Every structure is written in structure tokens, then in C-alpha cells.
């Protein structure tokens, strides 16, 4: 049986991925710095739970020995922080990631899937939709740390037997996303509305992003695990763009209540448009999105406590 290790299994994407991999019969090892009680109750009898510290080389090597495929989801920052923590990002998100990649190679991991950011690594697009050959000029530290980690993964795997997938994921959303700290527009809108607080919109709300429902995101990751390592960078998104105002309007139509909003000045670390070209994912992974945006919003609202 294939053994799959999930780094960051207790997060939004990690929980959904763990459920799907367990359901489909994989031997799953969930890695995190801590496991909340609800996570333990759901997974302790269905998967192996392991505490891990990425920068502790010996500890990481010991924990991952015998694992066939690693899916790396961990990141300690998000795009909303802009460039306010550049040095900390390097220390906390680049150095530990590189150390962990080396540990995986030394431990004999066969393939490694890294979730990068399709929404931030490209910067201001020269063409839309954005394909994987587009120049990468991140506007924020989050995107830069993702890009640098990609480069180290490519470099280190080139000189080893471990293969890799770099999945540049757009903006995933769905049930279980908390909307804390500005992560996830849709979850943030629902959280603010539930608390009776206005939503802060940077700029006029016309900026467009690519949103992908969590089921489709998980489908892409599982496909990457099944294929093994493609040694490629692959965009994962819907291939469609929607403005912030369009997103809010769709949510309003599902809850039949207007969303209160406040507009503030736009941020220099945001781009006005980001839509991904996802044809390569179909070619290499046999994957393409299945859930429409409206359907995804409806499913998310139905499971959110308003």
C-alpha cells in the first residue's frame, strides 16, 4: 500500500485531503506541530498522527522514513501581510522548507508534491490567462517564499532520485475554511457577515481572481499523488476570473441578504487580475475542474453557520 505523508494535515486543505486519501485506501500519515481535539477524534483511528518540526533534520528524517509520497501544505504566513515580514518569511518559510526537502531526499521519499501559489508567484500578468511559462515576479513576500522554495525543490530533486510536482494553486474555497487573518475572500465574507461586521474591500472591488472549490483542489492533489512525480510546475485553478464584487454578489444571492462593505485604498502588493491557464493539468494529471463557482458557493454557504 502506498504511504502518503501530509504536512499541514490539520489545515483547511489538509483535512479535506486526509479524508479523501483515507477514503480511497491510502496509508496516510498526518504531520503537524499540533492536532486539535476535533482532528484527533476524526483521524486518530483512520490515519497515523505525527508531530514534526521541519527544521529539525534528524527528527524529520526519522518521521518520514518509509513514506512514498509527501504532500507539503505548510506555510506560516499569507498574502494579506504584504511585505511587512520579509526577513521572518525567509527564516520561517524558506529555510525550514529547504531543510525538509533535503530530509525527504535522504529518507528515500519517492515523490514530493509542493503546493505553491498560483495567485502570487506570477505578479502582474503580461498575458491572461497565465500559463506556467509566464515570468514570475512576485509582488509580496508570500509569493516570493513560494517561488524560492520551488526553485530549491527543483534544484535538489535534479541531483537526486526524488521526483516532484509543483502545484500553483489559485484561490481555494469551501467548507472548513475559517477566513482568519484575511485568508480566503469567501470565508472572510461569510465570517464578517455572521459577526455583523462590514467587509473591508481594498480598492473599488473590480480586481479579478481565479477561485477553485476545495473538492477540485483535492482532486488535483490526489491526481498528483497517483501520477507520482511529473517534475513539472502545474497551474491548478478554474481558468475563470471573478471580481470581488462578483463574488460578493453571488454570496448575496445565496443568502438573500446584502453584505455590508467598506472600501479602502488598494494595496501595492496586490495585482488587479490573476486568472490561470489550467490546460497543462489536464495533460499531465488528467485533471480538470468539475464544480462550477455558483455550485461551490452554494455548498459553502449551506455548511456555514450564519
C-alpha atoms as a PDB file:
ATOM      1  CA  UNK A   1       0.000   0.000   0.000  1.00  0.00           C
ATOM      2  CA  UNK A   2       1.276   3.474  -0.901  1.00  0.00           C
ATOM      3  CA  UNK A   3       2.159   5.574   2.153  1.00  0.00           C
ATOM      4  CA  UNK A   4       1.361   9.282   1.822  1.00  0.00           C
ATOM      5  CA  UNK A   5       2.506  11.891   4.313  1.00  0.00           C
ATOM      6  CA  UNK A   6       0.602  15.172   4.568  1.00  0.00           C
ATOM      7  CA  UNK A   7       2.480  18.145   6.006  1.00  0.00           C
ATOM      8  CA  UNK A   8      -0.074  20.565   7.448  1.00  0.00           C
ATOM      9  CA  UNK A   9      -2.788  17.917   7.657  1.00  0.00           C
ATOM     10  CA  UNK A  10      -4.689  19.908  10.287  1.00  0.00           C
ATOM     11  CA  UNK A  11      -5.323  22.881   7.993  1.00  0.00           C
ATOM     12  CA  UNK A  12      -8.172  23.664   5.603  1.00  0.00           C
ATOM     13  CA  UNK A  13      -6.752  21.819   2.597  1.00  0.00           C
ATOM     14  CA  UNK A  14      -5.024  19.192   4.737  1.00  0.00           C
ATOM     15  CA  UNK A  15      -8.194  17.958   6.414  1.00  0.00           C
ATOM     16  CA  UNK A  16     -10.036  17.568   3.128  1.00  0.00           C
ATOM     17  CA  UNK A  17      -7.031  15.810   1.605  1.00  0.00           C
ATOM     18  CA  UNK A  18      -6.644  13.423   4.551  1.00  0.00           C
ATOM     19  CA  UNK A  19     -10.323  12.451   4.304  1.00  0.00           C
ATOM     20  CA  UNK A  20     -10.075  11.728   0.593  1.00  0.00           C
ATOM     21  CA  UNK A  21      -6.814   9.771   0.767  1.00  0.00           C
ATOM     22  CA  UNK A  22      -8.116   7.656   3.667  1.00  0.00           C
ATOM     23  CA  UNK A  23     -11.393   7.094   1.802  1.00  0.00           C
ATOM     24  CA  UNK A  24      -9.578   5.878  -1.305  1.00  0.00           C
ATOM     25  CA  UNK A  25      -7.406   3.413   0.608  1.00  0.00           C
ATOM     26  CA  UNK A  26      -4.035   5.101   1.073  1.00  0.00           C
ATOM     27  CA  UNK A  27      -1.956   4.591   4.216  1.00  0.00           C
ATOM     28  CA  UNK A  28      -1.975   8.195   5.465  1.00  0.00           C
ATOM     29  CA  UNK A  29       0.433   9.833   7.893  1.00  0.00           C
ATOM     30  CA  UNK A  30      -0.719  13.254   9.128  1.00  0.00           C
ATOM     31  CA  UNK A  31       2.064  15.648  10.141  1.00  0.00           C
ATOM     32  CA  UNK A  32       1.638  18.887  12.080  1.00  0.00           C
ATOM     33  CA  UNK A  33       3.011  20.821  15.034  1.00  0.00           C
ATOM     34  CA  UNK A  34      -0.248  20.222  16.874  1.00  0.00           C
ATOM     35  CA  UNK A  35      -3.539  18.410  16.373  1.00  0.00           C
ATOM     36  CA  UNK A  36      -6.776  19.984  17.675  1.00  0.00           C
ATOM     37  CA  UNK A  37      -9.152  17.707  19.567  1.00  0.00           C
ATOM     38  CA  UNK A  38     -11.661  17.569  16.716  1.00  0.00           C
ATOM     39  CA  UNK A  39      -8.901  16.472  14.322  1.00  0.00           C
ATOM     40  CA  UNK A  40      -7.769  13.737  16.686  1.00  0.00           C
ATOM     41  CA  UNK A  41     -11.322  12.488  17.098  1.00  0.00           C
ATOM     42  CA  UNK A  42     -11.814  12.263  13.335  1.00  0.00           C
ATOM     43  CA  UNK A  43      -8.476  10.788  12.274  1.00  0.00           C
ATOM     44  CA  UNK A  44      -6.680   9.025  15.121  1.00  0.00           C
ATOM     45  CA  UNK A  45      -8.238   5.649  14.190  1.00  0.00           C
ATOM     46  CA  UNK A  46      -8.056   6.196  10.433  1.00  0.00           C
ATOM     47  CA  UNK A  47      -4.520   7.550   9.971  1.00  0.00           C
ATOM     48  CA  UNK A  48      -1.231   7.931  11.813  1.00  0.00           C
ATOM     49  CA  UNK A  49      -0.714  11.275  13.552  1.00  0.00           C
ATOM     50  CA  UNK A  50       2.846  12.536  13.931  1.00  0.00           C
ATOM     51  CA  UNK A  51       4.243  15.751  15.382  1.00  0.00           C
ATOM     52  CA  UNK A  52       7.042  17.214  13.285  1.00  0.00           C
ATOM     53  CA  UNK A  53       9.390  20.190  13.157  1.00  0.00           C
ATOM     54  CA  UNK A  54      10.612  20.811   9.598  1.00  0.00           C
ATOM     55  CA  UNK A  55      13.903  22.427  10.569  1.00  0.00           C
ATOM     56  CA  UNK A  56      14.883  19.545  12.896  1.00  0.00           C
ATOM     57  CA  UNK A  57      16.675  17.438  10.290  1.00  0.00           C
ATOM     58  CA  UNK A  58      17.154  14.305  12.377  1.00  0.00           C
ATOM     59  CA  UNK A  59      13.585  14.380  13.697  1.00  0.00           C
ATOM     60  CA  UNK A  60      12.152  14.917  10.210  1.00  0.00           C
ATOM     61  CA  UNK A  61      14.282  12.152   8.713  1.00  0.00           C
ATOM     62  CA  UNK A  62      13.136   9.685  11.367  1.00  0.00           C
ATOM     63  CA  UNK A  63       9.452  10.572  10.968  1.00  0.00           C
ATOM     64  CA  UNK A  64       9.333  10.374   7.165  1.00  0.00           C
ATOM     65  CA  UNK A  65      11.457   7.261   6.648  1.00  0.00           C
ATOM     66  CA  UNK A  66       9.305   4.725   4.777  1.00  0.00           C
ATOM     67  CA  UNK A  67       6.907   7.269   3.259  1.00  0.00           C
ATOM     68  CA  UNK A  68       6.437   7.024  -0.512  1.00  0.00           C
ATOM     69  CA  UNK A  69       4.902  10.410  -1.298  1.00  0.00           C
ATOM     70  CA  UNK A  70       4.931  13.704   0.627  1.00  0.00           C
ATOM     71  CA  UNK A  71       2.369  16.477   0.148  1.00  0.00           C
ATOM     72  CA  UNK A  72       3.658  19.746   1.595  1.00  0.00           C
ATOM     73  CA  UNK A  73       0.924  22.224   2.595  1.00  0.00           C
ATOM     74  CA  UNK A  74       2.574  24.106   5.472  1.00  0.00           C
ATOM     75  CA  UNK A  75       3.111  27.872   5.391  1.00  0.00           C
ATOM     76  CA  UNK A  76       3.152  30.258   8.335  1.00  0.00           C
ATOM     77  CA  UNK A  77       2.180  33.462   6.536  1.00  0.00           C
ATOM     78  CA  UNK A  78      -0.327  34.684   3.927  1.00  0.00           C
ATOM     79  CA  UNK A  79      -0.532  37.315   1.147  1.00  0.00           C
ATOM     80  CA  UNK A  80      -2.529  39.780   3.267  1.00  0.00           C
ATOM     81  CA  UNK A  81       0.634  40.595   5.251  1.00  0.00           C
ATOM     82  CA  UNK A  82       2.217  42.145   2.163  1.00  0.00           C
ATOM     83  CA  UNK A  83       5.932  42.776   2.703  1.00  0.00           C
ATOM     84  CA  UNK A  84       5.833  43.568   6.401  1.00  0.00           C
ATOM     85  CA  UNK A  85       7.672  40.392   7.458  1.00  0.00           C
ATOM     86  CA  UNK A  86      10.220  39.703   4.716  1.00  0.00           C
ATOM     87  CA  UNK A  87      13.123  38.551   6.895  1.00  0.00           C
ATOM     88  CA  UNK A  88      10.835  36.449   9.097  1.00  0.00           C
ATOM     89  CA  UNK A  89       9.381  34.834   5.970  1.00  0.00           C
ATOM     90  CA  UNK A  90      12.847  33.770   4.844  1.00  0.00           C
ATOM     91  CA  UNK A  91      13.676  32.316   8.246  1.00  0.00           C
ATOM     92  CA  UNK A  92      10.325  30.641   8.888  1.00  0.00           C
ATOM     93  CA  UNK A  93       9.186  29.619   5.403  1.00  0.00           C
ATOM     94  CA  UNK A  94      12.247  29.162   3.197  1.00  0.00           C
ATOM     95  CA  UNK A  95      14.955  27.726   5.451  1.00  0.00           C
ATOM     96  CA  UNK A  96      12.722  25.058   7.120  1.00  0.00           C
ATOM     97  CA  UNK A  97      11.225  24.089   3.750  1.00  0.00           C
ATOM     98  CA  UNK A  98      14.643  23.541   2.170  1.00  0.00           C
ATOM     99  CA  UNK A  99      15.842  21.601   5.193  1.00  0.00           C
ATOM    100  CA  UNK A 100      12.766  19.382   4.982  1.00  0.00           C
ATOM    101  CA  UNK A 101      13.206  18.736   1.257  1.00  0.00           C
ATOM    102  CA  UNK A 102      16.746  17.553   1.953  1.00  0.00           C
ATOM    103  CA  UNK A 103      15.453  15.288   4.728  1.00  0.00           C
ATOM    104  CA  UNK A 104      12.949  13.745   2.300  1.00  0.00           C
ATOM    105  CA  UNK A 105      15.653  13.031  -0.247  1.00  0.00           C
ATOM    106  CA  UNK A 106      17.908  11.443   2.362  1.00  0.00           C
ATOM    107  CA  UNK A 107      14.987   9.366   3.721  1.00  0.00           C
ATOM    108  CA  UNK A 108      14.255   7.909   0.279  1.00  0.00           C
ATOM    109  CA  UNK A 109      10.897   9.570  -0.382  1.00  0.00           C
ATOM    110  CA  UNK A 110       9.925   8.716  -3.964  1.00  0.00           C
ATOM    111  CA  UNK A 111       7.945  11.835  -4.867  1.00  0.00           C
ATOM    112  CA  UNK A 112       7.098  15.217  -3.357  1.00  0.00           C
ATOM    113  CA  UNK A 113       4.137  17.471  -4.138  1.00  0.00           C
ATOM    114  CA  UNK A 114       4.545  21.105  -3.110  1.00  0.00           C
ATOM    115  CA  UNK A 115       1.545  23.432  -3.020  1.00  0.00           C
ATOM    116  CA  UNK A 116       2.751  26.746  -4.321  1.00  0.00           C
ATOM    117  CA  UNK A 117       0.671  29.852  -5.064  1.00  0.00           C
ATOM    118  CA  UNK A 118      -0.795  30.453  -8.490  1.00  0.00           C
ATOM    119  CA  UNK A 119      -2.232  33.682  -7.139  1.00  0.00           C
ATOM    120  CA  UNK A 120       1.027  35.340  -6.092  1.00  0.00           C
ATOM    121  CA  UNK A 121       4.137  33.901  -7.766  1.00  0.00           C
ATOM    122  CA  UNK A 122       3.448  35.473 -11.169  1.00  0.00           C
ATOM    123  CA  UNK A 123       2.972  39.089 -10.079  1.00  0.00           C
ATOM    124  CA  UNK A 124       1.467  41.486 -12.630  1.00  0.00           C
ATOM    125  CA  UNK A 125       0.435  39.352 -15.629  1.00  0.00           C
ATOM    126  CA  UNK A 126       1.713  40.159 -19.100  1.00  0.00           C
ATOM    127  CA  UNK A 127      -0.925  37.881 -20.616  1.00  0.00           C
ATOM    128  CA  UNK A 128      -4.199  36.401 -19.341  1.00  0.00           C
ATOM    129  CA  UNK A 129      -4.844  33.586 -18.685  1.00  0.00           C
ATOM    130  CA  UNK A 130      -1.411  32.951 -17.150  1.00  0.00           C
ATOM    131  CA  UNK A 131       0.370  29.771 -18.174  1.00  0.00           C
ATOM    132  CA  UNK A 132       3.283  28.102 -16.388  1.00  0.00           C
ATOM    133  CA  UNK A 133       5.892  29.673 -18.700  1.00  0.00           C
ATOM    134  CA  UNK A 134       4.871  33.190 -17.672  1.00  0.00           C
ATOM    135  CA  UNK A 135       7.660  35.157 -15.908  1.00  0.00           C
ATOM    136  CA  UNK A 136       7.470  35.047 -12.108  1.00  0.00           C
ATOM    137  CA  UNK A 137       7.853  38.438 -10.432  1.00  0.00           C
ATOM    138  CA  UNK A 138       6.035  38.247  -7.066  1.00  0.00           C
ATOM    139  CA  UNK A 139       4.755  41.483  -5.552  1.00  0.00           C
ATOM    140  CA  UNK A 140       4.665  40.167  -1.999  1.00  0.00           C
ATOM    141  CA  UNK A 141       6.854  38.165   0.335  1.00  0.00           C
ATOM    142  CA  UNK A 142       4.417  35.247   0.473  1.00  0.00           C
ATOM    143  CA  UNK A 143       4.713  34.713  -3.272  1.00  0.00           C
ATOM    144  CA  UNK A 144       8.487  35.132  -3.185  1.00  0.00           C
ATOM    145  CA  UNK A 145       8.950  32.474  -0.486  1.00  0.00           C
ATOM    146  CA  UNK A 146       6.805  30.084  -2.517  1.00  0.00           C
ATOM    147  CA  UNK A 147       8.842  30.762  -5.655  1.00  0.00           C
ATOM    148  CA  UNK A 148      12.195  30.376  -3.904  1.00  0.00           C
ATOM    149  CA  UNK A 149      11.064  27.088  -2.367  1.00  0.00           C
ATOM    150  CA  UNK A 150      10.004  25.906  -5.832  1.00  0.00           C
ATOM    151  CA  UNK A 151      13.494  26.643  -7.134  1.00  0.00           C
ATOM    152  CA  UNK A 152      15.198  24.788  -4.308  1.00  0.00           C
ATOM    153  CA  UNK A 153      12.898  21.796  -4.782  1.00  0.00           C
ATOM    154  CA  UNK A 154      13.717  21.688  -8.490  1.00  0.00           C
ATOM    155  CA  UNK A 155      17.458  22.057  -7.865  1.00  0.00           C
ATOM    156  CA  UNK A 156      17.669  19.433  -5.133  1.00  0.00           C
ATOM    157  CA  UNK A 157      15.495  16.880  -6.958  1.00  0.00           C
ATOM    158  CA  UNK A 158      17.535  17.252 -10.143  1.00  0.00           C
ATOM    159  CA  UNK A 159      20.514  15.806  -8.292  1.00  0.00           C
ATOM    160  CA  UNK A 160      18.533  13.022  -6.584  1.00  0.00           C
ATOM    161  CA  UNK A 161      16.107  10.168  -7.236  1.00  0.00           C
ATOM    162  CA  UNK A 162      13.125  12.014  -5.731  1.00  0.00           C
ATOM    163  CA  UNK A 163      10.630  13.353  -8.243  1.00  0.00           C
ATOM    164  CA  UNK A 164       8.359  16.341  -7.678  1.00  0.00           C
ATOM    165  CA  UNK A 165       5.149  18.148  -8.549  1.00  0.00           C
ATOM    166  CA  UNK A 166       4.807  21.886  -8.036  1.00  0.00           C
ATOM    167  CA  UNK A 167       1.130  22.785  -7.986  1.00  0.00           C
ATOM    168  CA  UNK A 168       0.490  26.514  -8.318  1.00  0.00           C
ATOM    169  CA  UNK A 169      -2.979  26.631  -6.811  1.00  0.00           C
ATOM    170  CA  UNK A 170      -5.306  29.585  -7.344  1.00  0.00           C
ATOM    171  CA  UNK A 171      -7.696  30.602  -4.507  1.00  0.00           C
ATOM    172  CA  UNK A 172      -9.288  27.517  -2.937  1.00  0.00           C
ATOM    173  CA  UNK A 173     -12.549  27.897  -1.024  1.00  0.00           C
ATOM    174  CA  UNK A 174     -15.194  25.746   0.570  1.00  0.00           C
ATOM    175  CA  UNK A 175     -16.496  24.291   3.836  1.00  0.00           C
ATOM    176  CA  UNK A 176     -13.945  24.327   6.637  1.00  0.00           C
ATOM    177  CA  UNK A 177     -12.103  27.462   5.570  1.00  0.00           C
ATOM    178  CA  UNK A 178     -12.074  29.835   8.532  1.00  0.00           C
ATOM    179  CA  UNK A 179     -11.381  33.225   6.945  1.00  0.00           C
ATOM    180  CA  UNK A 180      -8.981  34.107   9.754  1.00  0.00           C
ATOM    181  CA  UNK A 181      -6.263  36.688   9.149  1.00  0.00           C
ATOM    182  CA  UNK A 182      -7.533  37.608   5.713  1.00  0.00           C
ATOM    183  CA  UNK A 183      -7.102  34.115   4.247  1.00  0.00           C
ATOM    184  CA  UNK A 184      -9.810  33.311   1.739  1.00  0.00           C
ATOM    185  CA  UNK A 185     -12.127  36.030   0.464  1.00  0.00           C
ATOM    186  CA  UNK A 186     -15.254  33.870   0.506  1.00  0.00           C
ATOM    187  CA  UNK A 187     -14.707  32.584   4.046  1.00  0.00           C
ATOM    188  CA  UNK A 188     -13.880  36.128   5.180  1.00  0.00           C
ATOM    189  CA  UNK A 189     -17.112  37.495   3.667  1.00  0.00           C
ATOM    190  CA  UNK A 190     -19.164  34.851   5.467  1.00  0.00           C
ATOM    191  CA  UNK A 191     -17.329  35.331   8.764  1.00  0.00           C
ATOM    192  CA  UNK A 192     -17.743  39.104   8.684  1.00  0.00           C
ATOM    193  CA  UNK A 193     -21.421  38.815   7.810  1.00  0.00           C
ATOM    194  CA  UNK A 194     -22.036  36.290  10.587  1.00  0.00           C
ATOM    195  CA  UNK A 195     -20.452  38.679  13.107  1.00  0.00           C
ATOM    196  CA  UNK A 196     -22.394  41.676  11.806  1.00  0.00           C
ATOM    197  CA  UNK A 197     -19.187  43.391  10.722  1.00  0.00           C
ATOM    198  CA  UNK A 198     -18.602  45.185   7.395  1.00  0.00           C
ATOM    199  CA  UNK A 199     -16.305  43.627   4.827  1.00  0.00           C
ATOM    200  CA  UNK A 200     -13.196  45.665   4.013  1.00  0.00           C
ATOM    201  CA  UNK A 201     -12.564  45.850   0.268  1.00  0.00           C
ATOM    202  CA  UNK A 202      -9.205  47.087  -0.990  1.00  0.00           C
ATOM    203  CA  UNK A 203      -9.820  49.321  -3.996  1.00  0.00           C
ATOM    204  CA  UNK A 204     -13.048  49.501  -5.972  1.00  0.00           C
ATOM    205  CA  UNK A 205     -13.686  45.746  -5.953  1.00  0.00           C
ATOM    206  CA  UNK A 206     -13.004  45.243  -9.643  1.00  0.00           C
ATOM    207  CA  UNK A 207      -9.807  43.172  -9.232  1.00  0.00           C
ATOM    208  CA  UNK A 208     -10.249  39.649 -10.585  1.00  0.00           C
ATOM    209  CA  UNK A 209      -9.056  36.351  -9.157  1.00  0.00           C
ATOM    210  CA  UNK A 210      -9.326  32.670 -10.030  1.00  0.00           C
ATOM    211  CA  UNK A 211     -11.337  30.719  -7.426  1.00  0.00           C
ATOM    212  CA  UNK A 212     -11.366  26.928  -7.173  1.00  0.00           C
ATOM    213  CA  UNK A 213     -13.668  24.829  -4.997  1.00  0.00           C
ATOM    214  CA  UNK A 214     -11.961  22.612  -2.422  1.00  0.00           C
ATOM    215  CA  UNK A 215     -13.221  19.340  -3.970  1.00  0.00           C
ATOM    216  CA  UNK A 216     -11.494  20.244  -7.225  1.00  0.00           C
ATOM    217  CA  UNK A 217      -8.342  21.289  -5.373  1.00  0.00           C
ATOM    218  CA  UNK A 218      -8.221  17.937  -3.601  1.00  0.00           C
ATOM    219  CA  UNK A 219      -8.881  16.122  -6.871  1.00  0.00           C
ATOM    220  CA  UNK A 220      -5.796  17.745  -8.372  1.00  0.00           C
ATOM    221  CA  UNK A 221      -3.588  16.830  -5.411  1.00  0.00           C
ATOM    222  CA  UNK A 222      -4.805  13.225  -5.380  1.00  0.00           C
ATOM    223  CA  UNK A 223      -4.110  13.022  -9.119  1.00  0.00           C
ATOM    224  CA  UNK A 224      -0.564  14.251  -8.462  1.00  0.00           C
ATOM    225  CA  UNK A 225      -0.104  11.572  -5.798  1.00  0.00           C
ATOM    226  CA  UNK A 226      -1.396   8.892  -8.161  1.00  0.00           C
ATOM    227  CA  UNK A 227       0.833  10.004 -11.035  1.00  0.00           C
ATOM    228  CA  UNK A 228       3.872  10.277  -8.767  1.00  0.00           C
ATOM    229  CA  UNK A 229       6.335  12.952  -9.792  1.00  0.00           C
ATOM    230  CA  UNK A 230       5.975  14.809 -13.083  1.00  0.00           C
ATOM    231  CA  UNK A 231       8.996  17.045 -12.410  1.00  0.00           C
ATOM    232  CA  UNK A 232       6.832  19.923 -13.593  1.00  0.00           C
ATOM    233  CA  UNK A 233       5.146  23.139 -12.491  1.00  0.00           C
ATOM    234  CA  UNK A 234       1.373  22.868 -12.932  1.00  0.00           C
ATOM    235  CA  UNK A 235      -1.340  25.508 -12.520  1.00  0.00           C
ATOM    236  CA  UNK A 236      -4.426  24.419 -10.584  1.00  0.00           C
ATOM    237  CA  UNK A 237      -7.437  26.709 -10.879  1.00  0.00           C
ATOM    238  CA  UNK A 238     -10.799  27.189 -12.522  1.00  0.00           C
ATOM    239  CA  UNK A 239      -9.399  29.054 -15.518  1.00  0.00           C
ATOM    240  CA  UNK A 240     -12.033  31.744 -14.920  1.00  0.00           C
ATOM    241  CA  UNK A 241     -11.788  35.179 -13.312  1.00  0.00           C
ATOM    242  CA  UNK A 242     -14.263  36.876 -10.989  1.00  0.00           C
ATOM    243  CA  UNK A 243     -14.123  40.303  -9.419  1.00  0.00           C
ATOM    244  CA  UNK A 244     -14.511  40.830  -5.689  1.00  0.00           C
ATOM    245  CA  UNK A 245     -17.876  42.464  -6.342  1.00  0.00           C
ATOM    246  CA  UNK A 246     -18.987  39.469  -8.418  1.00  0.00           C
ATOM    247  CA  UNK A 247     -18.024  37.114  -5.597  1.00  0.00           C
ATOM    248  CA  UNK A 248     -19.973  39.166  -3.056  1.00  0.00           C
ATOM    249  CA  UNK A 249     -22.973  39.340  -5.370  1.00  0.00           C
ATOM    250  CA  UNK A 250     -23.014  35.545  -5.758  1.00  0.00           C
ATOM    251  CA  UNK A 251     -22.868  35.071  -1.989  1.00  0.00           C
ATOM    252  CA  UNK A 252     -25.663  37.625  -1.508  1.00  0.00           C
ATOM    253  CA  UNK A 253     -27.847  35.747  -3.962  1.00  0.00           C
ATOM    254  CA  UNK A 254     -27.328  32.543  -1.944  1.00  0.00           C
ATOM    255  CA  UNK A 255     -28.066  34.037   1.471  1.00  0.00           C
ATOM    256  CA  UNK A 256     -30.709  36.521   0.252  1.00  0.00           C
ATOM    257  CA  UNK A 257     -29.175  39.268   2.412  1.00  0.00           C
ATOM    258  CA  UNK A 258     -26.945  42.193   1.357  1.00  0.00           C
ATOM    259  CA  UNK A 259     -23.308  42.183   2.531  1.00  0.00           C
ATOM    260  CA  UNK A 260     -22.188  45.383   4.261  1.00  0.00           C
ATOM    261  CA  UNK A 261     -18.908  46.660   2.855  1.00  0.00           C
ATOM    262  CA  UNK A 262     -16.313  49.396   3.317  1.00  0.00           C
ATOM    263  CA  UNK A 263     -13.854  50.408   0.600  1.00  0.00           C
ATOM    264  CA  UNK A 264     -10.284  51.410   1.451  1.00  0.00           C
ATOM    265  CA  UNK A 265      -7.223  52.234  -0.629  1.00  0.00           C
ATOM    266  CA  UNK A 266      -5.852  49.355  -2.724  1.00  0.00           C
ATOM    267  CA  UNK A 267      -2.570  47.696  -1.738  1.00  0.00           C
ATOM    268  CA  UNK A 268       0.620  47.940  -3.793  1.00  0.00           C
ATOM    269  CA  UNK A 269       1.306  44.236  -3.182  1.00  0.00           C
ATOM    270  CA  UNK A 270      -1.895  43.165  -4.981  1.00  0.00           C
ATOM    271  CA  UNK A 271      -2.348  42.748  -8.722  1.00  0.00           C
ATOM    272  CA  UNK A 272      -5.541  43.761 -10.499  1.00  0.00           C
ATOM    273  CA  UNK A 273      -6.055  40.426 -12.251  1.00  0.00           C
ATOM    274  CA  UNK A 274      -4.951  36.811 -11.890  1.00  0.00           C
ATOM    275  CA  UNK A 275      -6.521  34.028 -13.954  1.00  0.00           C
ATOM    276  CA  UNK A 276      -4.698  30.745 -14.536  1.00  0.00           C
ATOM    277  CA  UNK A 277      -4.351  28.679 -17.680  1.00  0.00           C
ATOM    278  CA  UNK A 278      -5.002  25.101 -16.499  1.00  0.00           C
ATOM    279  CA  UNK A 279      -4.552  23.113 -19.722  1.00  0.00           C
ATOM    280  CA  UNK A 280      -1.276  21.589 -18.536  1.00  0.00           C
ATOM    281  CA  UNK A 281      -3.025  19.999 -15.543  1.00  0.00           C
ATOM    282  CA  UNK A 282      -5.272  18.044 -17.883  1.00  0.00           C
ATOM    283  CA  UNK A 283      -2.303  16.929 -19.978  1.00  0.00           C
ATOM    284  CA  UNK A 284      -0.072  15.769 -17.115  1.00  0.00           C
ATOM    285  CA  UNK A 285      -2.530  14.843 -14.367  1.00  0.00           C
ATOM    286  CA  UNK A 286      -5.682  14.032 -16.305  1.00  0.00           C
ATOM    287  CA  UNK A 287      -7.391  16.622 -14.109  1.00  0.00           C
ATOM    288  CA  UNK A 288      -9.759  19.489 -14.775  1.00  0.00           C
ATOM    289  CA  UNK A 289     -12.196  21.395 -12.516  1.00  0.00           C
ATOM    290  CA  UNK A 290     -15.681  19.941 -12.176  1.00  0.00           C
ATOM    291  CA  UNK A 291     -17.548  22.193  -9.732  1.00  0.00           C
ATOM    292  CA  UNK A 292     -18.954  25.493 -11.001  1.00  0.00           C
ATOM    293  CA  UNK A 293     -18.356  28.625  -8.967  1.00  0.00           C
ATOM    294  CA  UNK A 294     -22.046  29.037  -8.183  1.00  0.00           C
ATOM    295  CA  UNK A 295     -22.327  25.418  -7.072  1.00  0.00           C
ATOM    296  CA  UNK A 296     -19.244  25.779  -4.880  1.00  0.00           C
ATOM    297  CA  UNK A 297     -20.619  28.917  -3.228  1.00  0.00           C
ATOM    298  CA  UNK A 298     -23.947  27.209  -2.600  1.00  0.00           C
ATOM    299  CA  UNK A 299     -22.224  24.221  -0.949  1.00  0.00           C
ATOM    300  CA  UNK A 300     -20.045  26.503   1.154  1.00  0.00           C
ATOM    301  CA  UNK A 301     -22.953  28.656   2.348  1.00  0.00           C
ATOM    302  CA  UNK A 302     -25.037  25.555   3.133  1.00  0.00           C
ATOM    303  CA  UNK A 303     -22.376  24.293   5.557  1.00  0.00           C
ATOM    304  CA  UNK A 304     -21.544  27.659   7.087  1.00  0.00           C
ATOM    305  CA  UNK A 305     -23.350  28.692  10.280  1.00  0.00           C
ATOM    306  CA  UNK A 306     -24.866  32.135   9.607  1.00  0.00           C
END
